[in-house]
Amino acid sequence: MSDALDKAEAAVREASTDTAAVQLAFAAMELAKLATQQQQPAVQPACEHQRKQGRSAGQWLAIGGAVCVGSVGLAFASLAIAIAACCATGCFVILRSIWQSTQKGK
């Protein structure tokens, strides 16, 4: 493809008049050069020290601590819900007993 571009460039330079066709040919050659330059990807050297490393011991300890604190918090929340359910059940039983005794007293 570069040989064809070189031949076209030489032919355009040999043209003696600066007409619109010559200007279009110059523009087409410049576009073709830009297209060939953009198609070639830039190769970057791989660096050994940029490899992604695993988590450090401190990070694992922090994750483990967060999981422990979260699970203890979840246990306390579950315990609080169970106590609240027992209290509500007791209140309903007492209120039902009071309601039945007032209905019998009428």
C-alpha atoms as a PDB file:
ATOM      1  CA  MET A   1       0.000   0.000   0.000  1.00  0.00           C
ATOM      2  CA  SER A   2       2.913   2.363   0.692  1.00  0.00           C
ATOM      3  CA  ASP A   3       4.291   1.765  -2.830  1.00  0.00           C
ATOM      4  CA  ALA A   4       1.017   2.916  -4.333  1.00  0.00           C
ATOM      5  CA  LEU A   5       1.066   5.983  -2.104  1.00  0.00           C
ATOM      6  CA  ASP A   6       4.624   6.794  -3.112  1.00  0.00           C
ATOM      7  CA  LYS A   7       3.766   6.467  -6.810  1.00  0.00           C
ATOM      8  CA  ALA A   8       0.689   8.660  -6.433  1.00  0.00           C
ATOM      9  CA  GLU A   9       2.670  11.247  -4.508  1.00  0.00           C
ATOM     10  CA  ALA A  10       5.344  11.332  -7.201  1.00  0.00           C
ATOM     11  CA  ALA A  11       2.737  11.705  -9.935  1.00  0.00           C
ATOM     12  CA  VAL A  12       1.071  14.588  -8.166  1.00  0.00           C
ATOM     13  CA  ARG A  13       4.375  16.385  -7.648  1.00  0.00           C
ATOM     14  CA  GLU A  14       5.134  16.071 -11.341  1.00  0.00           C
ATOM     15  CA  ALA A  15       1.902  17.787 -12.271  1.00  0.00           C
ATOM     16  CA  SER A  16       2.693  21.254 -13.576  1.00  0.00           C
ATOM     17  CA  THR A  17      -0.569  23.017 -12.809  1.00  0.00           C
ATOM     18  CA  ASP A  18      -2.116  23.592  -9.404  1.00  0.00           C
ATOM     19  CA  THR A  19      -5.705  22.745 -10.200  1.00  0.00           C
ATOM     20  CA  ALA A  20      -8.521  21.529  -8.004  1.00  0.00           C
ATOM     21  CA  ALA A  21      -7.803  17.944  -9.021  1.00  0.00           C
ATOM     22  CA  VAL A  22      -4.226  18.255  -7.799  1.00  0.00           C
ATOM     23  CA  GLN A  23      -5.380  19.789  -4.516  1.00  0.00           C
ATOM     24  CA  LEU A  24      -7.843  16.924  -4.052  1.00  0.00           C
ATOM     25  CA  ALA A  25      -5.099  14.420  -4.779  1.00  0.00           C
ATOM     26  CA  PHE A  26      -2.852  16.036  -2.148  1.00  0.00           C
ATOM     27  CA  ALA A  27      -5.706  15.936   0.368  1.00  0.00           C
ATOM     28  CA  ALA A  28      -6.400  12.272  -0.438  1.00  0.00           C
ATOM     29  CA  MET A  29      -2.741  11.394   0.048  1.00  0.00           C
ATOM     30  CA  GLU A  30      -2.604  13.144   3.401  1.00  0.00           C
ATOM     31  CA  LEU A  31      -5.753  11.313   4.530  1.00  0.00           C
ATOM     32  CA  ALA A  32      -4.273   8.004   3.400  1.00  0.00           C
ATOM     33  CA  LYS A  33      -1.075   8.715   5.346  1.00  0.00           C
ATOM     34  CA  LEU A  34      -3.042   9.573   8.475  1.00  0.00           C
ATOM     35  CA  ALA A  35      -5.139   6.425   8.109  1.00  0.00           C
ATOM     36  CA  THR A  36      -2.084   4.191   7.828  1.00  0.00           C
ATOM     37  CA  GLN A  37      -0.489   5.850  10.843  1.00  0.00           C
ATOM     38  CA  GLN A  38      -3.623   5.359  12.944  1.00  0.00           C
ATOM     39  CA  GLN A  39      -3.967   1.705  11.988  1.00  0.00           C
ATOM     40  CA  GLN A  40      -0.615   0.778  13.475  1.00  0.00           C
ATOM     41  CA  PRO A  41      -1.146   0.282  17.223  1.00  0.00           C
ATOM     42  CA  ALA A  42       1.473   1.633  19.553  1.00  0.00           C
ATOM     43  CA  VAL A  43       3.232  -1.182  21.378  1.00  0.00           C
ATOM     44  CA  GLN A  44       3.965  -0.404  24.998  1.00  0.00           C
ATOM     45  CA  PRO A  45       6.565  -2.403  26.851  1.00  0.00           C
ATOM     46  CA  ALA A  46       5.205  -4.547  29.644  1.00  0.00           C
ATOM     47  CA  CYS A  47       6.596  -3.742  33.041  1.00  0.00           C
ATOM     48  CA  GLU A  48       7.069  -6.538  35.527  1.00  0.00           C
ATOM     49  CA  HIS A  49       6.411  -4.379  38.564  1.00  0.00           C
ATOM     50  CA  GLN A  50       2.968  -3.326  37.334  1.00  0.00           C
ATOM     51  CA  ARG A  51       1.389  -6.732  37.771  1.00  0.00           C
ATOM     52  CA  LYS A  52      -1.677  -6.737  39.959  1.00  0.00           C
ATOM     53  CA  GLN A  53      -0.829  -8.248  43.290  1.00  0.00           C
ATOM     54  CA  GLY A  54      -3.177  -9.924  45.747  1.00  0.00           C
ATOM     55  CA  ARG A  55      -4.438  -8.414  48.950  1.00  0.00           C
ATOM     56  CA  SER A  56      -1.997  -7.786  51.746  1.00  0.00           C
ATOM     57  CA  ALA A  57      -2.316  -9.312  55.208  1.00  0.00           C
ATOM     58  CA  GLY A  58      -3.565  -6.024  56.629  1.00  0.00           C
ATOM     59  CA  GLN A  59      -6.367  -5.880  54.103  1.00  0.00           C
ATOM     60  CA  TRP A  60      -7.413  -9.449  54.906  1.00  0.00           C
ATOM     61  CA  LEU A  61      -7.419  -8.637  58.634  1.00  0.00           C
ATOM     62  CA  ALA A  62      -9.564  -5.565  58.013  1.00  0.00           C
ATOM     63  CA  ILE A  63     -12.025  -7.596  55.926  1.00  0.00           C
ATOM     64  CA  GLY A  64     -12.186 -10.304  58.608  1.00  0.00           C
ATOM     65  CA  GLY A  65     -12.741  -7.709  61.328  1.00  0.00           C
ATOM     66  CA  ALA A  66     -15.526  -6.053  59.337  1.00  0.00           C
ATOM     67  CA  VAL A  67     -17.237  -9.423  58.817  1.00  0.00           C
ATOM     68  CA  CYS A  68     -16.995 -10.218  62.542  1.00  0.00           C
ATOM     69  CA  VAL A  69     -18.394  -6.849  63.586  1.00  0.00           C
ATOM     70  CA  GLY A  70     -21.182  -7.164  61.028  1.00  0.00           C
ATOM     71  CA  SER A  71     -22.141 -10.642  62.186  1.00  0.00           C
ATOM     72  CA  VAL A  72     -22.191  -9.578  65.860  1.00  0.00           C
ATOM     73  CA  GLY A  73     -24.386  -6.622  64.916  1.00  0.00           C
ATOM     74  CA  LEU A  74     -26.710  -8.928  62.993  1.00  0.00           C
ATOM     75  CA  ALA A  75     -26.911 -11.265  65.998  1.00  0.00           C
ATOM     76  CA  PHE A  76     -27.829  -8.385  68.323  1.00  0.00           C
ATOM     77  CA  ALA A  77     -30.472  -7.167  65.858  1.00  0.00           C
ATOM     78  CA  SER A  78     -31.976 -10.662  65.661  1.00  0.00           C
ATOM     79  CA  LEU A  79     -31.993 -10.904  69.450  1.00  0.00           C
ATOM     80  CA  ALA A  80     -33.732  -7.535  69.737  1.00  0.00           C
ATOM     81  CA  ILE A  81     -36.394  -8.604  67.225  1.00  0.00           C
ATOM     82  CA  ALA A  82     -37.008 -11.842  69.146  1.00  0.00           C
ATOM     83  CA  ILE A  83     -37.365  -9.998  72.469  1.00  0.00           C
ATOM     84  CA  ALA A  84     -39.737  -7.472  70.889  1.00  0.00           C
ATOM     85  CA  ALA A  85     -41.854 -10.283  69.430  1.00  0.00           C
ATOM     86  CA  CYS A  86     -42.093 -11.992  72.834  1.00  0.00           C
ATOM     87  CA  CYS A  87     -43.088  -8.729  74.537  1.00  0.00           C
ATOM     88  CA  ALA A  88     -45.712  -8.016  71.890  1.00  0.00           C
ATOM     89  CA  THR A  89     -47.149 -11.518  72.265  1.00  0.00           C
ATOM     90  CA  GLY A  90     -47.317 -11.106  76.034  1.00  0.00           C
ATOM     91  CA  CYS A  91     -49.080  -7.764  75.684  1.00  0.00           C
ATOM     92  CA  PHE A  92     -51.623  -9.231  73.260  1.00  0.00           C
ATOM     93  CA  VAL A  93     -52.350 -12.160  75.606  1.00  0.00           C
ATOM     94  CA  ILE A  94     -52.841  -9.812  78.564  1.00  0.00           C
ATOM     95  CA  LEU A  95     -55.050  -7.445  76.549  1.00  0.00           C
ATOM     96  CA  ARG A  96     -57.118 -10.384  75.252  1.00  0.00           C
ATOM     97  CA  SER A  97     -57.617 -11.631  78.810  1.00  0.00           C
ATOM     98  CA  ILE A  98     -58.705  -8.172  79.963  1.00  0.00           C
ATOM     99  CA  TRP A  99     -61.047  -7.857  76.975  1.00  0.00           C
ATOM    100  CA  GLN A 100     -62.663 -11.236  77.677  1.00  0.00           C
ATOM    101  CA  SER A 101     -63.132 -10.461  81.385  1.00  0.00           C
ATOM    102  CA  THR A 102     -64.777  -7.116  80.580  1.00  0.00           C
ATOM    103  CA  GLN A 103     -67.100  -8.818  78.065  1.00  0.00           C
ATOM    104  CA  LYS A 104     -68.189 -11.403  80.662  1.00  0.00           C
ATOM    105  CA  GLY A 105     -68.774  -8.719  83.293  1.00  0.00           C
ATOM    106  CA  LYS A 106     -71.398  -6.904  81.252  1.00  0.00           C
END
